[in-house]
N, C-alpha and C. Protein backbone atom coordinates (compact mmCIF):
# COMPACT_ATOMS: atom_id res chain seq x y z
N UNK A 1 1.20 -0.92 0.09
CA UNK A 1 -0.19 -0.03 0.00
C UNK A 1 0.84 1.47 0.24
N UNK A 2 2.02 1.44 1.22
CA UNK A 2 2.71 2.77 0.93
C UNK A 2 3.81 2.69 -0.24
N UNK A 3 4.25 1.52 -0.57
CA UNK A 3 5.35 2.05 -2.02
C UNK A 3 4.43 2.46 -3.32
N UNK A 4 2.99 1.97 -3.63
CA UNK A 4 2.47 2.43 -5.21
C UNK A 4 2.19 3.92 -4.49
N UNK A 5 2.06 3.79 -3.41
CA UNK A 5 1.23 5.70 -3.55
C UNK A 5 2.74 6.25 -2.85
N UNK A 6 3.87 5.77 -2.91
CA UNK A 6 5.21 6.87 -3.28
C UNK A 6 6.32 6.60 -4.40
N UNK A 7 5.87 5.39 -5.21
CA UNK A 7 5.84 5.79 -6.44
C UNK A 7 4.97 6.62 -7.34
N UNK A 8 4.14 6.71 -7.35
CA UNK A 8 3.40 7.48 -7.52
C UNK A 8 3.69 9.22 -7.34
N UNK A 9 3.71 9.26 -6.21
CA UNK A 9 4.37 10.59 -6.43
C UNK A 9 5.42 10.44 -6.77
N UNK A 10 6.38 10.12 -6.11
CA UNK A 10 7.99 10.03 -7.28
C UNK A 10 7.63 10.37 -8.66
N UNK A 11 7.01 9.88 -9.22
CA UNK A 11 7.13 9.84 -10.45
C UNK A 11 6.68 11.18 -11.68
N UNK A 12 5.66 11.27 -10.94
CA UNK A 12 4.37 13.56 -10.60
C UNK A 12 5.64 13.87 -10.52
N UNK A 13 7.00 13.93 -9.05
CA UNK A 13 7.32 15.10 -9.83
C UNK A 13 8.62 14.64 -10.60
N UNK A 14 8.87 13.24 -11.14
CA UNK A 14 9.62 13.00 -11.72
C UNK A 14 9.76 13.96 -13.28
N UNK A 15 7.77 14.11 -14.08
CA UNK A 15 7.21 14.56 -14.65
C UNK A 15 7.21 15.39 -14.80
N UNK A 16 6.84 16.60 -13.57
CA UNK A 16 7.40 17.99 -13.24
C UNK A 16 8.51 19.18 -13.78
N UNK A 17 9.03 17.84 -13.43
CA UNK A 17 10.50 18.53 -13.22
C UNK A 17 10.78 18.98 -14.98
N UNK A 18 10.49 18.39 -16.03
CA UNK A 18 10.60 19.04 -17.08
C UNK A 18 9.53 20.46 -18.21
N UNK A 19 7.78 20.29 -17.28
CA UNK A 19 7.41 21.16 -17.96
C UNK A 19 7.90 22.97 -17.66
N UNK A 20 6.79 23.84 -17.99
CA UNK A 20 7.69 24.95 -18.30
C UNK A 20 7.31 25.85 -16.87
N UNK A 21 7.47 25.91 -16.57
CA UNK A 21 7.77 27.36 -15.10
C UNK A 21 6.95 28.32 -15.04
N UNK A 22 5.77 28.18 -13.69
CA UNK A 22 4.66 29.23 -13.54
C UNK A 22 5.50 30.02 -12.63
N UNK A 23 6.01 30.64 -11.71
CA UNK A 23 6.67 31.13 -11.04
C UNK A 23 7.13 32.33 -12.01
N UNK A 24 6.48 33.41 -11.76
CA UNK A 24 6.68 34.66 -11.97
C UNK A 24 7.90 36.09 -11.08
N UNK A 25 9.72 36.17 -11.40
CA UNK A 25 10.06 37.30 -10.16
C UNK A 25 9.31 38.40 -10.46
N UNK A 26 7.97 38.34 -9.48
CA UNK A 26 7.48 39.90 -9.28
C UNK A 26 8.26 40.98 -8.39
N UNK A 27 8.91 42.15 -8.17
CA UNK A 27 8.17 42.84 -9.82
C UNK A 27 9.41 43.15 -10.05
N UNK A 28 10.53 42.57 -10.74
CA UNK A 28 11.01 42.46 -11.85
C UNK A 28 10.52 41.98 -13.30
N UNK A 29 9.78 40.70 -13.03
CA UNK A 29 8.95 40.51 -14.85
C UNK A 29 7.12 40.37 -14.15
N UNK A 30 7.28 41.34 -15.21
CA UNK A 30 5.18 41.64 -14.81
C UNK A 30 4.98 40.25 -15.68
N UNK A 31 3.73 39.88 -15.23
CA UNK A 31 2.97 39.00 -15.38
C UNK A 31 1.85 39.56 -16.85
N UNK A 32 1.20 39.06 -18.38
CA UNK A 32 0.80 39.60 -18.92
C UNK A 32 -0.50 39.09 -18.23
N UNK A 33 -1.93 40.39 -17.97
CA UNK A 33 -3.30 39.98 -18.08
C UNK A 33 -3.87 39.90 -19.19
N UNK A 34 -5.44 39.09 -19.28
CA UNK A 34 -5.93 39.20 -20.29
C UNK A 34 -6.75 40.31 -20.63
N UNK A 35 -7.00 40.54 -21.73
CA UNK A 35 -7.81 41.32 -22.12
C UNK A 35 -9.00 41.88 -21.37
N UNK A 36 -9.46 40.51 -20.44
CA UNK A 36 -11.16 41.59 -20.06
C UNK A 36 -10.86 41.50 -18.06
N UNK A 37 -9.22 41.66 -17.86
CA UNK A 37 -8.73 41.57 -16.42
C UNK A 37 -9.45 43.22 -15.33
N UNK A 38 -10.16 42.76 -14.63
CA UNK A 38 -11.19 43.41 -13.73
C UNK A 38 -9.26 43.97 -13.16
N UNK A 39 -8.72 44.92 -12.71
CA UNK A 39 -8.16 45.42 -11.94
C UNK A 39 -8.28 47.30 -11.14
N UNK A 40 -7.53 48.29 -10.62
CA UNK A 40 -7.66 49.38 -10.45
C UNK A 40 -8.66 50.35 -10.95
N UNK A 41 -10.04 50.37 -10.22
CA UNK A 41 -10.52 51.63 -11.34
C UNK A 41 -9.80 52.61 -10.88
N UNK A 42 -11.12 53.29 -12.59
CA UNK A 42 -10.09 55.22 -12.61
C UNK A 42 -11.60 56.05 -13.18
N UNK A 43 -12.21 56.94 -13.12
CA UNK A 43 -13.16 57.88 -13.46
C UNK A 43 -12.67 58.08 -14.81
N UNK A 44 -13.60 58.23 -15.20
CA UNK A 44 -14.02 58.83 -17.13
C UNK A 44 -13.94 60.27 -17.31
N UNK A 45 -13.49 60.97 -17.75
CA UNK A 45 -13.41 62.12 -18.25
C UNK A 45 -14.21 61.95 -19.87
N UNK A 46 -14.83 62.84 -19.67
CA UNK A 46 -15.13 63.78 -20.97
C UNK A 46 -14.75 64.42 -22.35
N UNK A 47 -15.03 64.77 -23.11
CA UNK A 47 -14.08 65.58 -24.76
C UNK A 47 -14.00 67.00 -23.85
N UNK A 48 -14.34 67.22 -23.07
CA UNK A 48 -13.81 68.41 -22.35
C UNK A 48 -13.15 68.17 -21.15
N UNK A 49 -12.85 67.65 -20.53
CA UNK A 49 -11.89 66.75 -19.74
C UNK A 49 -12.75 67.65 -18.22
N UNK A 50 -13.87 67.25 -18.59
CA UNK A 50 -14.38 67.16 -17.26
C UNK A 50 -14.94 65.67 -16.74
N UNK A 51 -14.80 65.36 -15.57
CA UNK A 51 -15.78 64.31 -14.95
C UNK A 51 -16.72 63.38 -15.77
N UNK A 52 -17.14 62.31 -15.87
CA UNK A 52 -18.24 62.32 -16.81
C UNK A 52 -19.41 61.78 -15.70
N UNK A 53 -18.53 61.49 -14.42
CA UNK A 53 -19.94 60.82 -12.77
C UNK A 53 -21.09 61.70 -12.54
N UNK A 54 -22.50 61.81 -13.28
CA UNK A 54 -23.33 62.69 -12.93
C UNK A 54 -24.37 62.32 -11.59
N UNK A 55 -23.45 61.04 -10.32
CA UNK A 55 -23.69 61.36 -9.09
C UNK A 55 -25.09 60.58 -9.41
N UNK A 56 -25.35 59.87 -10.05
CA UNK A 56 -26.38 58.90 -9.84
C UNK A 56 -26.50 58.08 -8.55
N UNK A 57 -25.71 57.29 -8.07
CA UNK A 57 -25.42 56.33 -7.84
C UNK A 57 -25.56 55.12 -8.14
N UNK A 58 -25.67 54.73 -9.12
CA UNK A 58 -25.84 53.26 -9.55
C UNK A 58 -25.05 52.26 -9.20
N UNK A 59 -23.93 53.26 -9.36
CA UNK A 59 -22.39 52.15 -8.78
C UNK A 59 -22.61 51.94 -7.38
N UNK A 60 -22.71 52.98 -6.54
CA UNK A 60 -22.77 52.65 -4.99
C UNK A 60 -23.75 52.32 -4.93
N UNK A 61 -25.27 51.80 -5.37
CA UNK A 61 -26.10 51.00 -5.26
C UNK A 61 -25.83 49.19 -5.88
N UNK A 62 -25.40 49.24 -6.58
CA UNK A 62 -24.82 47.88 -7.74
C UNK A 62 -23.51 47.31 -6.86
N UNK A 63 -22.74 47.89 -5.73
CA UNK A 63 -21.45 47.42 -5.78
C UNK A 63 -21.94 46.40 -4.60
N UNK A 64 -20.97 45.31 -4.71
CA UNK A 64 -21.39 43.77 -3.63
C UNK A 64 -20.92 44.02 -1.70
N UNK A 65 -19.60 44.74 -2.39
CA UNK A 65 -18.98 44.96 -1.15
C UNK A 65 -19.16 46.42 -0.39
N UNK A 66 -20.36 46.87 -0.78
CA UNK A 66 -20.30 48.65 -0.56
C UNK A 66 -18.93 49.04 -0.35
N UNK A 67 -17.55 49.09 -0.95
CA UNK A 67 -16.69 50.05 -0.96
C UNK A 67 -17.13 51.53 -1.88
N UNK A 68 -17.74 52.33 -2.06
CA UNK A 68 -17.46 52.67 -2.85
C UNK A 68 -18.77 53.88 -2.40
N UNK A 69 -18.43 55.54 -1.90
CA UNK A 69 -18.41 56.50 -1.11
C UNK A 69 -18.63 57.43 -2.67
N UNK A 70 -19.96 57.41 -2.50
CA UNK A 70 -20.21 59.53 -3.56
C UNK A 70 -21.48 60.17 -2.23
N UNK A 71 -20.68 61.57 -2.64
CA UNK A 71 -21.64 62.30 -2.21
C UNK A 71 -22.26 63.61 -3.51
N UNK A 72 -23.32 63.92 -3.65
CA UNK A 72 -22.88 64.75 -5.09
C UNK A 72 -23.43 65.87 -4.49
N UNK A 73 -23.30 66.90 -5.26
CA UNK A 73 -23.63 68.81 -5.80
C UNK A 73 -24.42 69.18 -6.53
N UNK A 74 -24.78 70.39 -6.20
CA UNK A 74 -24.56 70.29 -7.68
C UNK A 74 -23.73 70.98 -8.17
N UNK A 75 -23.85 70.32 -9.82
CA UNK A 75 -23.10 70.42 -11.02
C UNK A 75 -22.89 72.78 -11.05
N UNK A 76 -21.41 72.42 -11.40
CA UNK A 76 -20.81 73.86 -11.77
C UNK A 76 -21.59 73.94 -13.14
N UNK A 77 -21.19 72.92 -13.90
CA UNK A 77 -21.62 73.38 -15.81
C UNK A 77 -23.63 72.45 -15.38
N UNK A 78 -23.85 73.87 -16.53
CA UNK A 78 -25.17 74.34 -17.21
C UNK A 78 -25.92 72.92 -17.77
N UNK A 79 -25.25 71.77 -18.30
CA UNK A 79 -25.51 70.90 -18.88
C UNK A 79 -25.83 69.49 -17.90
N UNK A 80 -25.27 70.03 -17.09
CA UNK A 80 -25.67 68.41 -15.22
C UNK A 80 -26.39 69.10 -14.32
N UNK A 81 -27.35 68.32 -14.09
CA UNK A 81 -28.09 68.80 -12.92
C UNK A 81 -27.22 68.78 -11.14
N UNK A 82 -27.04 67.92 -11.05
CA UNK A 82 -25.69 67.25 -10.27
C UNK A 82 -24.28 66.43 -10.70
N UNK A 83 -23.56 66.56 -10.16
CA UNK A 83 -22.00 65.82 -9.84
C UNK A 83 -21.82 65.37 -9.09
N UNK A 84 -20.89 64.37 -8.88
CA UNK A 84 -19.62 63.85 -8.05
C UNK A 84 -18.81 64.72 -6.52
N UNK A 85 -19.34 65.45 -5.64
CA UNK A 85 -18.42 66.75 -4.91
C UNK A 85 -17.07 65.76 -4.96
N UNK A 86 -17.86 64.58 -3.95
CA UNK A 86 -16.81 63.21 -2.93
C UNK A 86 -17.01 62.34 -4.19
N UNK A 87 -15.87 61.77 -4.10
CA UNK A 87 -16.24 60.18 -4.31
C UNK A 87 -14.87 59.39 -4.27
N UNK A 88 -14.97 58.34 -3.67
CA UNK A 88 -14.20 57.32 -3.05
C UNK A 88 -13.93 55.61 -3.00
N UNK A 89 -13.39 55.41 -3.79
CA UNK A 89 -13.00 53.90 -3.14
C UNK A 89 -11.88 52.89 -2.78
N UNK A 90 -13.33 52.90 -1.77
CA UNK A 90 -12.01 51.47 -0.62
C UNK A 90 -11.59 50.41 -1.52
N UNK A 91 -10.66 50.49 -2.11
CA UNK A 91 -9.61 49.02 -2.98
C UNK A 91 -9.13 48.47 -2.77
N UNK A 92 -9.45 47.81 -0.86
CA UNK A 92 -9.09 46.83 -0.30
C UNK A 92 -10.27 46.06 -0.05
N UNK A 93 -11.50 46.77 0.09
CA UNK A 93 -12.71 46.11 0.01
C UNK A 93 -13.71 45.90 -0.87
N UNK A 94 -12.94 46.32 -2.03
CA UNK A 94 -13.81 46.49 -3.47
C UNK A 94 -13.39 44.57 -3.78
N UNK A 95 -14.45 43.46 -4.61
CA UNK A 95 -14.00 42.12 -4.17
C UNK A 95 -13.37 42.39 -6.49
N UNK A 96 -13.76 43.05 -6.89
CA UNK A 96 -13.24 43.60 -8.68
C UNK A 96 -14.27 42.62 -9.31
N UNK A 97 -15.39 42.95 -9.06
CA UNK A 97 -16.69 42.28 -9.41
C UNK A 97 -16.84 42.77 -10.93
N UNK A 98 -16.38 44.86 -10.64
CA UNK A 98 -17.25 45.16 -11.70
C UNK A 98 -18.15 45.88 -12.35
N UNK A 99 -19.12 45.08 -11.11
CA UNK A 99 -20.78 45.53 -11.38
C UNK A 99 -20.72 47.47 -10.77
N UNK A 100 -19.78 47.47 -10.81
CA UNK A 100 -20.02 49.45 -11.28
C UNK A 100 -19.53 49.81 -11.96
N UNK A 101 -19.25 48.97 -13.12
CA UNK A 101 -19.26 49.01 -14.65
C UNK A 101 -20.10 49.02 -15.34
N UNK A 102 -21.00 48.57 -15.21
CA UNK A 102 -22.15 47.82 -15.58
C UNK A 102 -23.23 48.95 -15.11
N UNK A 103 -22.97 49.12 -14.08
CA UNK A 103 -24.15 49.66 -13.67
C UNK A 103 -23.96 51.24 -14.32
N UNK A 104 -23.36 51.66 -14.58
CA UNK A 104 -22.69 53.21 -15.41
C UNK A 104 -23.39 53.33 -15.97
N UNK A 105 -24.71 54.02 -16.34
CA UNK A 105 -25.08 54.48 -17.88
C UNK A 105 -23.91 55.69 -18.06
N UNK A 106 -23.06 56.63 -17.59
CA UNK A 106 -22.47 57.11 -18.48
C UNK A 106 -21.34 57.25 -19.05
N UNK A 107 -20.60 55.81 -18.77
CA UNK A 107 -19.37 55.23 -18.57
C UNK A 107 -18.33 56.04 -18.14
N UNK A 108 -18.59 56.55 -16.51
CA UNK A 108 -17.78 56.79 -16.31
C UNK A 108 -16.84 56.23 -15.37
N UNK A 109 -17.20 55.44 -14.87
CA UNK A 109 -16.30 54.62 -13.95
C UNK A 109 -16.00 53.23 -15.04
N UNK A 110 -14.47 52.89 -14.54
CA UNK A 110 -13.56 51.74 -15.50
C UNK A 110 -12.76 51.07 -15.19
N UNK A 111 -12.75 49.88 -15.12
CA UNK A 111 -11.96 48.88 -14.44
C UNK A 111 -10.79 48.41 -14.66
N UNK A 112 -9.30 49.06 -14.81
CA UNK A 112 -8.38 48.52 -15.79
C UNK A 112 -7.52 47.36 -15.70
N UNK A 113 -6.25 47.51 -15.82
CA UNK A 113 -5.31 46.77 -16.24
C UNK A 113 -4.97 46.01 -15.64
N UNK A 114 -4.65 47.36 -14.39
CA UNK A 114 -3.09 48.08 -13.28
C UNK A 114 -3.86 46.71 -11.88
N UNK A 115 -2.67 45.87 -11.96
CA UNK A 115 -2.98 44.88 -11.02
C UNK A 115 -2.00 44.66 -9.43
N UNK A 116 -0.62 45.57 -9.35
CA UNK A 116 -0.17 46.06 -8.38
C UNK A 116 -0.25 47.21 -7.75
N UNK A 117 -1.43 47.12 -7.03
CA UNK A 117 -1.74 47.96 -5.92
C UNK A 117 -1.06 47.45 -4.33
N UNK A 118 -0.36 48.99 -3.83
CA UNK A 118 0.08 48.27 -3.10
C UNK A 118 0.45 49.45 -2.43
N UNK A 119 0.23 49.53 -0.86
CA UNK A 119 0.33 50.34 -0.42
C UNK A 119 0.58 50.24 1.57
N UNK A 120 1.05 50.61 2.65
CA UNK A 120 1.55 50.50 3.14
C UNK A 120 0.79 51.28 4.35
N UNK A 121 -0.09 51.53 4.52
CA UNK A 121 -1.41 52.13 5.14
C UNK A 121 -2.29 51.72 4.83
N UNK A 122 -3.86 51.45 5.30
CA UNK A 122 -5.04 51.04 4.76
C UNK A 122 -5.74 52.60 3.53
N UNK A 123 -5.43 53.50 4.87
CA UNK A 123 -5.63 55.12 3.85
C UNK A 123 -4.95 55.29 3.06
N UNK A 124 -4.30 54.41 2.58
CA UNK A 124 -3.26 55.47 1.12
C UNK A 124 -4.84 53.83 0.43
N UNK A 125 -4.98 53.02 0.13
CA UNK A 125 -6.06 52.50 -0.65
C UNK A 125 -7.63 52.82 -0.84
N UNK A 126 -7.93 53.93 0.08
CA UNK A 126 -8.89 54.90 -0.08
C UNK A 126 -8.75 55.79 -1.07
N UNK A 127 -9.53 55.52 -3.05
CA UNK A 127 -8.70 56.04 -3.49
C UNK A 127 -10.16 57.52 -3.77
N UNK A 128 -9.28 58.72 -3.82
CA UNK A 128 -10.65 59.74 -3.83
C UNK A 128 -10.17 60.00 -5.62
N UNK A 129 -11.87 61.16 -5.37
CA UNK A 129 -11.62 61.49 -6.79
C UNK A 129 -10.52 62.11 -8.23
N UNK A 130 -9.69 62.97 -7.05
CA UNK A 130 -8.48 63.27 -7.86
C UNK A 130 -7.33 62.17 -7.98
N UNK A 131 -7.24 60.75 -7.65
CA UNK A 131 -6.97 59.53 -8.03
C UNK A 131 -6.89 58.94 -8.79
N UNK A 132 -8.85 58.63 -8.93
CA UNK A 132 -8.81 57.65 -9.58
C UNK A 132 -9.31 58.51 -11.36
N UNK A 133 -8.78 60.23 -11.06
CA UNK A 133 -8.82 60.64 -12.57
C UNK A 133 -7.59 61.02 -12.45
N UNK A 134 -6.93 60.81 -12.13
CA UNK A 134 -5.24 60.82 -12.07
C UNK A 134 -5.21 59.28 -12.39
N UNK A 135 -5.22 58.49 -12.77
CA UNK A 135 -5.26 57.13 -12.69
C UNK A 135 -6.17 57.05 -14.52
N UNK A 136 -7.21 57.60 -14.97
CA UNK A 136 -7.75 58.31 -16.10
C UNK A 136 -6.79 58.56 -16.85
N UNK A 137 -5.62 59.40 -16.34
CA UNK A 137 -4.95 59.76 -17.76
C UNK A 137 -3.48 58.85 -17.88
N UNK A 138 -3.51 58.29 -16.55
CA UNK A 138 -2.22 57.06 -16.82
C UNK A 138 -2.24 56.15 -17.60
N UNK A 139 -4.39 56.41 -17.63
CA UNK A 139 -4.43 54.67 -18.83
C UNK A 139 -5.22 55.12 -19.94
N UNK A 140 -5.42 56.56 -20.41
CA UNK A 140 -6.61 57.40 -21.46
C UNK A 140 -5.95 56.04 -22.26
N UNK A 141 -4.62 55.86 -22.98
CA UNK A 141 -3.88 55.04 -24.68
C UNK A 141 -4.72 53.99 -24.41
N UNK A 142 -4.63 53.12 -23.02
CA UNK A 142 -4.54 51.65 -23.42
C UNK A 142 -6.59 51.31 -24.22
N UNK A 143 -6.67 50.02 -24.65
CA UNK A 143 -7.88 49.55 -25.43
C UNK A 143 -7.93 48.58 -24.48
N UNK A 144 -9.62 49.32 -24.30
CA UNK A 144 -10.20 48.80 -22.98
C UNK A 144 -11.27 47.58 -23.75
N UNK A 145 -11.89 46.54 -24.20
CA UNK A 145 -12.82 46.08 -24.52
C UNK A 145 -13.49 46.02 -23.42
N UNK A 146 -15.28 45.50 -24.75
CA UNK A 146 -15.94 45.38 -23.99
C UNK A 146 -15.39 44.24 -23.69
N UNK A 147 -16.43 44.27 -21.69
CA UNK A 147 -16.49 42.50 -20.64
C UNK A 147 -16.97 42.18 -21.15
N UNK A 148 -17.88 41.04 -20.45
CA UNK A 148 -18.68 39.93 -20.71
C UNK A 148 -19.74 40.17 -19.75
């Protein structure tokens, strides 16, 4: 009983010696992610450089992790009744499901392909409106295909 089990285990190890290694030495090597990967959030801007969010609260309502906080206020632009005065996403609480992205009627919120999210304190993972808009500036040239 023991010998066949040991031989099976030994043979499994021998077979795996010649297979391709899956380990990536991060951060020196960066793993390529798929086109529909959901990473760090960003807030999109319109053609005038304004934030697209109209503070409809649909992303906050759709979020199963309850990690999005929006505070609405009167809009300084005449073509919008209101806009997000404060927009915060707790990236530590987020499950990156994409429900916020699907719920948004203005395509204001989007998940990028960035996965290297590092911080030393919890408050560094609370992304405010300015950080999310900066993320748009960093990733605006990337192609973002429609997700399933």
